[in-house]
Amino acid sequence: MRPVYLLALITLLPAGNLFAASKEMQEMQRDIAQLQDQVRALQSSFDQKMAMIQTLLQQALDAGNKANTGVAVLSSTVNQTLDRELNTKLAPIASLAAKVDNTNNDVSEVRNQVSDLNSSINKVLQRLGDLNEAVKVLQAPAPPPPGPATGGAMVPVPAETLFNNAMKDYAGGKYDLAISEFSDFIKFNPDNPNAASAQLNIGEAHSAQGKYELATQDFDAVIERYPANDQVTPNAYFDKGMALKASGHKADAIATFRALIKNYPRKDQAAQAKEQLRAMGVTVTAAAPAAPAKRRK
């Protein structure tokens, strides 16, 4: 008997309502098809950009290899020159020492260039990871609009969505917006596993803007709040050292790099810190006070 009642009820419904519902469904299907076309276009554009970035990265690696080859050739040439000078002319000791000093300066300069190139490659790799995260966010289906069950009330943004949106804006160079979103993420999700990464990204965004004092405070917050996170905190130490170096606080930068080496000797960031210390003309193992954990004012 129920199907008969349902059929009768449908028969009583105005035909205009059914036509309107059908038309609205067609418009929704057209909008969905357009969104799918846009996603495919974004994917195609991303693939092209990825290919271009990979080509640039390969060129950078080739340049690094050429630089290393240049160092070896320079070292061989220097050795041959020194041997020839010693065997044929017996130049004064003071003159020979001056030549050795100049040679060491040239080799140190080449090492600094190679170190900068490696840092640039690491930044490119990190940016590629951020772009991949942004593409994942673009490909994710949009959440449905609030229905009658919610009464049209604002639904809190899920933690994962808020974090992914912040990563997308960070990768797109929208640093002020990304900083605001990362701050909201930490505020509403202080115990989330990505909270440490969000705080680190705030510091890196400030560094990208040249706001090194704020960046130093952000990295100190990571070191203070997440000392047990051996994946994010070593990056905070290294980035803090780089921010201090860029802002002219050489002594604090040296102390920070040495603290990183002491606390995380087996991490890749420790090896990078050693390269930075050598480039700054200081020893790696010399005693130094621990990097201050307090925020710079």
C-alpha atoms as a PDB file:
ATOM      1  CA  MET A   1       0.000   0.000   0.000  1.00  0.00           C
ATOM      2  CA  ARG A   2       2.897   2.433   0.668  1.00  0.00           C
ATOM      3  CA  PRO A   3       4.078   2.622  -2.984  1.00  0.00           C
ATOM      4  CA  VAL A   4       0.530   3.589  -3.967  1.00  0.00           C
ATOM      5  CA  TYR A   5       0.500   6.412  -1.417  1.00  0.00           C
ATOM      6  CA  LEU A   6       3.954   7.605  -2.579  1.00  0.00           C
ATOM      7  CA  LEU A   7       2.851   7.598  -6.217  1.00  0.00           C
ATOM      8  CA  ALA A   8      -0.222   9.566  -5.342  1.00  0.00           C
ATOM      9  CA  LEU A   9       1.883  12.093  -3.412  1.00  0.00           C
ATOM     10  CA  ILE A  10       4.277  12.563  -6.338  1.00  0.00           C
ATOM     11  CA  THR A  11       1.312  13.019  -8.653  1.00  0.00           C
ATOM     12  CA  LEU A  12      -0.013  15.801  -6.434  1.00  0.00           C
ATOM     13  CA  LEU A  13       3.342  17.696  -6.485  1.00  0.00           C
ATOM     14  CA  PRO A  14       3.397  20.676  -8.860  1.00  0.00           C
ATOM     15  CA  ALA A  15       5.131  19.937 -12.135  1.00  0.00           C
ATOM     16  CA  GLY A  16       7.012  23.223 -11.867  1.00  0.00           C
ATOM     17  CA  ASN A  17       8.830  22.063  -8.743  1.00  0.00           C
ATOM     18  CA  LEU A  18       9.996  18.889 -10.464  1.00  0.00           C
ATOM     19  CA  PHE A  19      11.176  20.865 -13.489  1.00  0.00           C
ATOM     20  CA  ALA A  20      13.012  23.337 -11.260  1.00  0.00           C
ATOM     21  CA  ALA A  21      14.748  20.498  -9.389  1.00  0.00           C
ATOM     22  CA  SER A  22      15.789  18.895 -12.693  1.00  0.00           C
ATOM     23  CA  LYS A  23      17.153  22.198 -14.005  1.00  0.00           C
ATOM     24  CA  GLU A  24      19.081  22.809 -10.781  1.00  0.00           C
ATOM     25  CA  MET A  25      20.561  19.301 -11.008  1.00  0.00           C
ATOM     26  CA  GLN A  26      21.693  19.988 -14.587  1.00  0.00           C
ATOM     27  CA  GLU A  27      23.346  23.242 -13.507  1.00  0.00           C
ATOM     28  CA  MET A  28      25.122  21.438 -10.671  1.00  0.00           C
ATOM     29  CA  GLN A  29      26.365  18.761 -13.081  1.00  0.00           C
ATOM     30  CA  ARG A  30      27.614  21.475 -15.462  1.00  0.00           C
ATOM     31  CA  ASP A  31      29.437  23.229 -12.604  1.00  0.00           C
ATOM     32  CA  ILE A  32      31.030  19.943 -11.517  1.00  0.00           C
ATOM     33  CA  ALA A  33      32.187  19.280 -15.093  1.00  0.00           C
ATOM     34  CA  GLN A  34      33.719  22.765 -15.266  1.00  0.00           C
ATOM     35  CA  LEU A  35      35.540  22.212 -11.960  1.00  0.00           C
ATOM     36  CA  GLN A  36      36.906  18.907 -13.243  1.00  0.00           C
ATOM     37  CA  ASP A  37      38.168  20.648 -16.408  1.00  0.00           C
ATOM     38  CA  GLN A  38      39.871  23.301 -14.263  1.00  0.00           C
ATOM     39  CA  VAL A  39      41.552  20.650 -12.112  1.00  0.00           C
ATOM     40  CA  ARG A  40      42.816  18.874 -15.240  1.00  0.00           C
ATOM     41  CA  ALA A  41      44.132  22.178 -16.592  1.00  0.00           C
ATOM     42  CA  LEU A  42      45.888  22.875 -13.278  1.00  0.00           C
ATOM     43  CA  GLN A  43      47.405  19.385 -13.332  1.00  0.00           C
ATOM     44  CA  SER A  44      48.692  19.907 -16.886  1.00  0.00           C
ATOM     45  CA  SER A  45      50.179  23.288 -15.950  1.00  0.00           C
ATOM     46  CA  PHE A  46      51.765  21.797 -12.849  1.00  0.00           C
ATOM     47  CA  ASP A  47      53.322  18.944 -14.871  1.00  0.00           C
ATOM     48  CA  GLN A  48      54.852  21.476 -17.268  1.00  0.00           C
ATOM     49  CA  LYS A  49      56.221  23.551 -14.393  1.00  0.00           C
ATOM     50  CA  MET A  50      57.571  20.452 -12.694  1.00  0.00           C
ATOM     51  CA  ALA A  51      59.412  19.484 -15.876  1.00  0.00           C
ATOM     52  CA  MET A  52      60.874  22.981 -16.092  1.00  0.00           C
ATOM     53  CA  ILE A  53      61.932  22.920 -12.425  1.00  0.00           C
ATOM     54  CA  GLN A  54      63.539  19.504 -12.859  1.00  0.00           C
ATOM     55  CA  THR A  55      65.493  20.844 -15.839  1.00  0.00           C
ATOM     56  CA  LEU A  56      66.673  23.829 -13.774  1.00  0.00           C
ATOM     57  CA  LEU A  57      67.579  21.534 -10.899  1.00  0.00           C
ATOM     58  CA  GLN A  58      69.610  19.312 -13.230  1.00  0.00           C
ATOM     59  CA  GLN A  59      71.405  22.396 -14.521  1.00  0.00           C
ATOM     60  CA  ALA A  60      72.144  23.447 -10.939  1.00  0.00           C
ATOM     61  CA  LEU A  61      73.530  19.998 -10.160  1.00  0.00           C
ATOM     62  CA  ASP A  62      75.668  20.118 -13.307  1.00  0.00           C
ATOM     63  CA  ALA A  63      76.961  23.516 -12.212  1.00  0.00           C
ATOM     64  CA  GLY A  64      77.825  22.050  -8.809  1.00  0.00           C
ATOM     65  CA  ASN A  65      79.726  19.210 -10.427  1.00  0.00           C
ATOM     66  CA  LYS A  66      81.588  21.683 -12.615  1.00  0.00           C
ATOM     67  CA  ALA A  67      82.441  23.729  -9.527  1.00  0.00           C
ATOM     68  CA  ASN A  68      83.827  20.649  -7.797  1.00  0.00           C
ATOM     69  CA  THR A  69      85.853  19.846 -10.895  1.00  0.00           C
ATOM     70  CA  GLY A  70      87.113  23.415 -10.909  1.00  0.00           C
ATOM     71  CA  VAL A  71      88.258  23.043  -7.301  1.00  0.00           C
ATOM     72  CA  ALA A  72      90.200  19.898  -8.165  1.00  0.00           C
ATOM     73  CA  VAL A  73      91.784  21.536 -11.213  1.00  0.00           C
ATOM     74  CA  LEU A  74      92.624  24.636  -9.189  1.00  0.00           C
ATOM     75  CA  SER A  75      94.213  22.548  -6.453  1.00  0.00           C
ATOM     76  CA  SER A  76      96.277  20.594  -8.996  1.00  0.00           C
ATOM     77  CA  THR A  77      97.381  23.800 -10.716  1.00  0.00           C
ATOM     78  CA  VAL A  78      98.346  25.373  -7.407  1.00  0.00           C
ATOM     79  CA  ASN A  79     100.421  22.356  -6.406  1.00  0.00           C
ATOM     80  CA  GLN A  80     102.225  22.351  -9.746  1.00  0.00           C
ATOM     81  CA  THR A  81     102.878  26.086  -9.472  1.00  0.00           C
ATOM     82  CA  LEU A  82     104.286  25.775  -5.950  1.00  0.00           C
ATOM     83  CA  ASP A  83     106.560  22.878  -6.938  1.00  0.00           C
ATOM     84  CA  ARG A  84     107.897  24.787  -9.928  1.00  0.00           C
ATOM     85  CA  GLU A  85     108.558  27.891  -7.858  1.00  0.00           C
ATOM     86  CA  LEU A  86     110.379  25.934  -5.164  1.00  0.00           C
ATOM     87  CA  ASN A  87     112.510  23.972  -7.619  1.00  0.00           C
ATOM     88  CA  THR A  88     113.517  26.828  -9.917  1.00  0.00           C
ATOM     89  CA  LYS A  89     113.561  30.157  -8.077  1.00  0.00           C
ATOM     90  CA  LEU A  90     113.769  29.629  -4.302  1.00  0.00           C
ATOM     91  CA  ALA A  91     111.551  32.632  -3.738  1.00  0.00           C
ATOM     92  CA  PRO A  92     111.670  34.344  -0.347  1.00  0.00           C
ATOM     93  CA  ILE A  93     109.705  32.639   2.407  1.00  0.00           C
ATOM     94  CA  ALA A  94     107.509  35.681   2.959  1.00  0.00           C
ATOM     95  CA  SER A  95     106.523  35.778  -0.716  1.00  0.00           C
ATOM     96  CA  LEU A  96     105.782  32.049  -0.727  1.00  0.00           C
ATOM     97  CA  ALA A  97     103.607  32.388   2.379  1.00  0.00           C
ATOM     98  CA  ALA A  98     101.658  35.194   0.737  1.00  0.00           C
ATOM     99  CA  LYS A  99     100.997  33.021  -2.297  1.00  0.00           C
ATOM    100  CA  VAL A 100      99.811  30.151  -0.099  1.00  0.00           C
ATOM    101  CA  ASP A 101      97.444  32.519   1.752  1.00  0.00           C
ATOM    102  CA  ASN A 102      96.003  33.773  -1.527  1.00  0.00           C
ATOM    103  CA  THR A 103      95.529  30.204  -2.695  1.00  0.00           C
ATOM    104  CA  ASN A 104      93.726  29.259   0.519  1.00  0.00           C
ATOM    105  CA  ASN A 105      91.443  32.261   0.120  1.00  0.00           C
ATOM    106  CA  ASP A 106      90.584  31.211  -3.435  1.00  0.00           C
ATOM    107  CA  VAL A 107      89.811  27.639  -2.347  1.00  0.00           C
ATOM    108  CA  SER A 108      87.727  28.924   0.578  1.00  0.00           C
ATOM    109  CA  GLU A 109      85.756  31.155  -1.781  1.00  0.00           C
ATOM    110  CA  VAL A 110      85.043  28.220  -4.097  1.00  0.00           C
ATOM    111  CA  ARG A 111      83.902  26.135  -1.118  1.00  0.00           C
ATOM    112  CA  ASN A 112      81.574  28.927  -0.041  1.00  0.00           C
ATOM    113  CA  GLN A 113      80.061  29.031  -3.526  1.00  0.00           C
ATOM    114  CA  VAL A 114      79.543  25.259  -3.502  1.00  0.00           C
ATOM    115  CA  SER A 115      77.952  25.491  -0.044  1.00  0.00           C
ATOM    116  CA  ASP A 116      75.586  28.235  -1.243  1.00  0.00           C
ATOM    117  CA  LEU A 117      74.713  26.123  -4.277  1.00  0.00           C
ATOM    118  CA  ASN A 118      73.865  23.153  -2.035  1.00  0.00           C
ATOM    119  CA  SER A 119      71.681  25.377   0.129  1.00  0.00           C
ATOM    120  CA  SER A 120      69.862  26.625  -2.974  1.00  0.00           C
ATOM    121  CA  ILE A 121      69.273  23.060  -4.147  1.00  0.00           C
ATOM    122  CA  ASN A 122      67.849  22.141  -0.731  1.00  0.00           C
ATOM    123  CA  LYS A 123      65.500  25.126  -0.928  1.00  0.00           C
ATOM    124  CA  VAL A 124      64.373  24.046  -4.409  1.00  0.00           C
ATOM    125  CA  LEU A 125      63.701  20.508  -3.155  1.00  0.00           C
ATOM    126  CA  GLN A 126      61.727  21.859  -0.203  1.00  0.00           C
ATOM    127  CA  ARG A 127      59.715  24.115  -2.513  1.00  0.00           C
ATOM    128  CA  LEU A 128      58.957  21.102  -4.754  1.00  0.00           C
ATOM    129  CA  GLY A 129      57.572  19.289  -1.719  1.00  0.00           C
ATOM    130  CA  ASP A 130      55.425  22.306  -0.882  1.00  0.00           C
ATOM    131  CA  LEU A 131      54.143  22.431  -4.473  1.00  0.00           C
ATOM    132  CA  ASN A 132      53.207  18.756  -4.292  1.00  0.00           C
ATOM    133  CA  GLU A 133      51.223  19.437  -1.122  1.00  0.00           C
ATOM    134  CA  ALA A 134      49.507  22.365  -2.827  1.00  0.00           C
ATOM    135  CA  VAL A 135      48.522  20.197  -5.800  1.00  0.00           C
ATOM    136  CA  LYS A 136      47.060  17.592  -3.454  1.00  0.00           C
ATOM    137  CA  VAL A 137      44.941  20.306  -1.858  1.00  0.00           C
ATOM    138  CA  LEU A 138      43.733  21.484  -5.285  1.00  0.00           C
ATOM    139  CA  GLN A 139      42.826  17.945  -6.315  1.00  0.00           C
ATOM    140  CA  ALA A 140      40.893  17.224  -3.121  1.00  0.00           C
ATOM    141  CA  PRO A 141      37.083  17.460  -3.542  1.00  0.00           C
ATOM    142  CA  ALA A 142      35.456  20.531  -2.089  1.00  0.00           C
ATOM    143  CA  PRO A 143      33.420  19.985   1.094  1.00  0.00           C
ATOM    144  CA  PRO A 144      29.631  20.133   0.624  1.00  0.00           C
ATOM    145  CA  PRO A 145      27.849  23.347   1.597  1.00  0.00           C
ATOM    146  CA  PRO A 146      26.116  23.447   4.997  1.00  0.00           C
ATOM    147  CA  GLY A 147      22.684  21.825   4.773  1.00  0.00           C
ATOM    148  CA  PRO A 148      19.503  22.355   6.695  1.00  0.00           C
ATOM    149  CA  ALA A 149      20.744  20.013   9.440  1.00  0.00           C
ATOM    150  CA  THR A 150      23.337  22.597  10.474  1.00  0.00           C
ATOM    151  CA  GLY A 151      20.885  25.479  10.228  1.00  0.00           C
ATOM    152  CA  GLY A 152      23.410  27.369   8.066  1.00  0.00           C
ATOM    153  CA  ALA A 153      25.781  27.791  11.048  1.00  0.00           C
ATOM    154  CA  MET A 154      29.545  28.113  10.461  1.00  0.00           C
ATOM    155  CA  VAL A 155      31.292  24.734  10.728  1.00  0.00           C
ATOM    156  CA  PRO A 156      34.849  24.783  12.203  1.00  0.00           C
ATOM    157  CA  VAL A 157      37.525  24.191   9.564  1.00  0.00           C
ATOM    158  CA  PRO A 158      39.175  20.763  10.054  1.00  0.00           C
ATOM    159  CA  ALA A 159      42.796  20.883  11.186  1.00  0.00           C
ATOM    160  CA  GLU A 160      44.083  19.094   8.093  1.00  0.00           C
ATOM    161  CA  THR A 161      42.239  21.479   5.753  1.00  0.00           C
ATOM    162  CA  LEU A 162      43.540  24.546   7.596  1.00  0.00           C
ATOM    163  CA  PHE A 163      47.120  23.229   7.510  1.00  0.00           C
ATOM    164  CA  ASN A 164      46.936  22.318   3.812  1.00  0.00           C
ATOM    165  CA  ASN A 165      45.511  25.746   2.935  1.00  0.00           C
ATOM    166  CA  ALA A 166      48.364  27.405   4.812  1.00  0.00           C
ATOM    167  CA  MET A 167      50.913  25.223   2.979  1.00  0.00           C
ATOM    168  CA  LYS A 168      49.322  26.148  -0.357  1.00  0.00           C
ATOM    169  CA  ASP A 169      49.553  29.876   0.367  1.00  0.00           C
ATOM    170  CA  TYR A 170      53.124  29.484   1.662  1.00  0.00           C
ATOM    171  CA  ALA A 171      54.155  27.659  -1.513  1.00  0.00           C
ATOM    172  CA  GLY A 172      52.487  30.400  -3.569  1.00  0.00           C
ATOM    173  CA  GLY A 173      54.500  33.132  -1.840  1.00  0.00           C
ATOM    174  CA  LYS A 174      51.491  34.539   0.057  1.00  0.00           C
ATOM    175  CA  TYR A 175      53.533  34.771   3.249  1.00  0.00           C
ATOM    176  CA  ASP A 176      51.300  37.115   5.272  1.00  0.00           C
ATOM    177  CA  LEU A 177      48.239  34.961   4.616  1.00  0.00           C
ATOM    178  CA  ALA A 178      50.181  31.765   5.318  1.00  0.00           C
ATOM    179  CA  ILE A 179      51.506  33.170   8.611  1.00  0.00           C
ATOM    180  CA  SER A 180      47.952  34.028   9.695  1.00  0.00           C
ATOM    181  CA  GLU A 181      46.682  30.557   8.772  1.00  0.00           C
ATOM    182  CA  PHE A 182      49.553  28.749  10.491  1.00  0.00           C
ATOM    183  CA  SER A 183      48.951  30.885  13.604  1.00  0.00           C
ATOM    184  CA  ASP A 184      45.254  29.954  13.606  1.00  0.00           C
ATOM    185  CA  PHE A 185      46.194  26.299  13.152  1.00  0.00           C
ATOM    186  CA  ILE A 186      48.469  26.390  16.222  1.00  0.00           C
ATOM    187  CA  LYS A 187      45.864  28.348  18.211  1.00  0.00           C
ATOM    188  CA  PHE A 188      43.042  25.875  17.611  1.00  0.00           C
ATOM    189  CA  ASN A 189      45.180  22.708  17.353  1.00  0.00           C
ATOM    190  CA  PRO A 190      48.091  23.140  19.791  1.00  0.00           C
ATOM    191  CA  ASP A 191      48.544  19.377  20.265  1.00  0.00           C
ATOM    192  CA  ASN A 192      48.341  18.446  16.581  1.00  0.00           C
ATOM    193  CA  PRO A 193      51.426  16.583  15.216  1.00  0.00           C
ATOM    194  CA  ASN A 194      51.821  19.323  12.584  1.00  0.00           C
ATOM    195  CA  ALA A 195      51.921  22.154  15.147  1.00  0.00           C
ATOM    196  CA  ALA A 196      55.740  22.122  15.242  1.00  0.00           C
ATOM    197  CA  SER A 197      55.944  22.271  11.440  1.00  0.00           C
ATOM    198  CA  ALA A 198      53.428  25.136  11.399  1.00  0.00           C
ATOM    199  CA  GLN A 199      55.557  27.150  13.841  1.00  0.00           C
ATOM    200  CA  LEU A 200      58.690  26.414  11.803  1.00  0.00           C
ATOM    201  CA  ASN A 201      56.949  27.552   8.605  1.00  0.00           C
ATOM    202  CA  ILE A 202      55.990  30.834  10.263  1.00  0.00           C
ATOM    203  CA  GLY A 203      59.674  31.478  10.934  1.00  0.00           C
ATOM    204  CA  GLU A 204      60.684  30.538   7.406  1.00  0.00           C
ATOM    205  CA  ALA A 205      58.014  32.857   6.001  1.00  0.00           C
ATOM    206  CA  HIS A 206      59.361  35.729   8.113  1.00  0.00           C
ATOM    207  CA  SER A 207      62.888  34.905   6.910  1.00  0.00           C
ATOM    208  CA  ALA A 208      61.712  34.974   3.302  1.00  0.00           C
ATOM    209  CA  GLN A 209      60.332  38.475   3.989  1.00  0.00           C
ATOM    210  CA  GLY A 210      63.651  39.586   5.499  1.00  0.00           C
ATOM    211  CA  LYS A 211      62.104  39.898   8.981  1.00  0.00           C
ATOM    212  CA  TYR A 212      64.977  38.086  10.695  1.00  0.00           C
ATOM    213  CA  GLU A 213      64.236  39.262  14.241  1.00  0.00           C
ATOM    214  CA  LEU A 214      60.700  37.858  14.077  1.00  0.00           C
ATOM    215  CA  ALA A 215      62.020  34.706  12.410  1.00  0.00           C
ATOM    216  CA  THR A 216      64.502  34.187  15.252  1.00  0.00           C
ATOM    217  CA  GLN A 217      61.659  34.408  17.775  1.00  0.00           C
ATOM    218  CA  ASP A 218      59.633  31.883  15.781  1.00  0.00           C
ATOM    219  CA  PHE A 219      62.509  29.393  15.659  1.00  0.00           C
ATOM    220  CA  ASP A 220      63.104  29.856  19.390  1.00  0.00           C
ATOM    221  CA  ALA A 221      59.419  28.961  19.928  1.00  0.00           C
ATOM    222  CA  VAL A 222      59.988  25.675  18.099  1.00  0.00           C
ATOM    223  CA  ILE A 223      63.090  24.917  20.180  1.00  0.00           C
ATOM    224  CA  GLU A 224      61.280  25.738  23.437  1.00  0.00           C
ATOM    225  CA  ARG A 225      57.955  23.987  22.762  1.00  0.00           C
ATOM    226  CA  TYR A 226      59.076  20.916  20.802  1.00  0.00           C
ATOM    227  CA  PRO A 227      62.523  19.871  22.107  1.00  0.00           C
ATOM    228  CA  ALA A 228      61.699  16.159  21.592  1.00  0.00           C
ATOM    229  CA  ASN A 229      60.781  16.545  17.921  1.00  0.00           C
ATOM    230  CA  ASP A 230      64.015  15.448  16.230  1.00  0.00           C
ATOM    231  CA  GLN A 231      62.512  15.966  12.756  1.00  0.00           C
ATOM    232  CA  VAL A 232      61.499  19.625  13.018  1.00  0.00           C
ATOM    233  CA  THR A 233      63.646  21.073  15.827  1.00  0.00           C
ATOM    234  CA  PRO A 234      67.019  20.527  14.040  1.00  0.00           C
ATOM    235  CA  ASN A 235      65.646  22.616  11.165  1.00  0.00           C
ATOM    236  CA  ALA A 236      64.662  25.308  13.666  1.00  0.00           C
ATOM    237  CA  TYR A 237      68.248  25.442  14.998  1.00  0.00           C
ATOM    238  CA  PHE A 238      69.737  25.678  11.497  1.00  0.00           C
ATOM    239  CA  ASP A 239      67.218  28.240  10.230  1.00  0.00           C
ATOM    240  CA  LYS A 240      67.753  30.305  13.355  1.00  0.00           C
ATOM    241  CA  GLY A 241      71.502  30.294  12.769  1.00  0.00           C
ATOM    242  CA  MET A 242      70.981  31.409   9.163  1.00  0.00           C
ATOM    243  CA  ALA A 243      68.615  34.212  10.257  1.00  0.00           C
ATOM    244  CA  LEU A 244      71.125  35.428  12.861  1.00  0.00           C
ATOM    245  CA  LYS A 245      73.918  35.304  10.282  1.00  0.00           C
ATOM    246  CA  ALA A 246      71.861  37.259   7.745  1.00  0.00           C
ATOM    247  CA  SER A 247      70.977  39.909  10.347  1.00  0.00           C
ATOM    248  CA  GLY A 248      74.646  40.417  11.327  1.00  0.00           C
ATOM    249  CA  HIS A 249      74.566  38.599  14.696  1.00  0.00           C
ATOM    250  CA  LYS A 250      77.628  36.479  13.939  1.00  0.00           C
ATOM    251  CA  ALA A 251      78.423  35.412  17.525  1.00  0.00           C
ATOM    252  CA  ASP A 252      74.854  34.236  18.156  1.00  0.00           C
ATOM    253  CA  ALA A 253      74.810  32.428  14.815  1.00  0.00           C
ATOM    254  CA  ILE A 254      78.023  30.583  15.695  1.00  0.00           C
ATOM    255  CA  ALA A 255      76.607  29.589  19.086  1.00  0.00           C
ATOM    256  CA  THR A 256      73.391  28.333  17.464  1.00  0.00           C
ATOM    257  CA  PHE A 257      75.220  26.231  14.865  1.00  0.00           C
ATOM    258  CA  ARG A 258      77.410  24.695  17.574  1.00  0.00           C
ATOM    259  CA  ALA A 259      74.354  23.941  19.702  1.00  0.00           C
ATOM    260  CA  LEU A 260      72.795  22.153  16.716  1.00  0.00           C
ATOM    261  CA  ILE A 261      75.953  20.049  16.214  1.00  0.00           C
ATOM    262  CA  LYS A 262      76.053  19.200  19.914  1.00  0.00           C
ATOM    263  CA  ASN A 263      72.369  18.262  20.277  1.00  0.00           C
ATOM    264  CA  TYR A 264      71.887  16.515  16.914  1.00  0.00           C
ATOM    265  CA  PRO A 265      75.328  15.301  15.783  1.00  0.00           C
ATOM    266  CA  ARG A 266      73.957  12.671  13.383  1.00  0.00           C
ATOM    267  CA  LYS A 267      71.447  14.865  11.579  1.00  0.00           C
ATOM    268  CA  ASP A 268      72.005  16.301   8.099  1.00  0.00           C
ATOM    269  CA  GLN A 269      71.463  19.769   9.532  1.00  0.00           C
ATOM    270  CA  ALA A 270      74.545  19.256  11.741  1.00  0.00           C
ATOM    271  CA  ALA A 271      76.690  18.683   8.648  1.00  0.00           C
ATOM    272  CA  GLN A 272      75.249  21.846   7.085  1.00  0.00           C
ATOM    273  CA  ALA A 273      76.000  23.759  10.291  1.00  0.00           C
ATOM    274  CA  LYS A 274      79.643  22.612  10.112  1.00  0.00           C
ATOM    275  CA  GLU A 275      79.886  23.935   6.555  1.00  0.00           C
ATOM    276  CA  GLN A 276      78.496  27.275   7.692  1.00  0.00           C
ATOM    277  CA  LEU A 277      81.026  27.500  10.538  1.00  0.00           C
ATOM    278  CA  ARG A 278      83.887  26.758   8.163  1.00  0.00           C
ATOM    279  CA  ALA A 279      82.607  29.378   5.745  1.00  0.00           C
ATOM    280  CA  MET A 280      82.515  31.881   8.624  1.00  0.00           C
ATOM    281  CA  GLY A 281      86.169  31.111   9.382  1.00  0.00           C
ATOM    282  CA  VAL A 282      85.642  29.513  12.810  1.00  0.00           C
ATOM    283  CA  THR A 283      86.357  26.036  14.130  1.00  0.00           C
ATOM    284  CA  VAL A 284      83.643  23.459  14.612  1.00  0.00           C
ATOM    285  CA  THR A 285      84.805  21.900  17.881  1.00  0.00           C
ATOM    286  CA  ALA A 286      85.818  25.032  19.799  1.00  0.00           C
ATOM    287  CA  ALA A 287      84.001  25.544  23.084  1.00  0.00           C
ATOM    288  CA  ALA A 288      81.108  27.935  22.906  1.00  0.00           C
ATOM    289  CA  PRO A 289      78.088  28.732  25.100  1.00  0.00           C
ATOM    290  CA  ALA A 290      74.814  27.064  24.163  1.00  0.00           C
ATOM    291  CA  ALA A 291      72.504  28.996  21.900  1.00  0.00           C
ATOM    292  CA  PRO A 292      70.066  31.118  23.931  1.00  0.00           C
ATOM    293  CA  ALA A 293      66.585  29.656  24.062  1.00  0.00           C
ATOM    294  CA  LYS A 294      64.923  32.953  25.044  1.00  0.00           C
ATOM    295  CA  ARG A 295      63.184  35.012  22.431  1.00  0.00           C
ATOM    296  CA  ARG A 296      65.095  38.023  21.130  1.00  0.00           C
ATOM    297  CA  LYS A 297      63.495  41.315  22.012  1.00  0.00           C
END
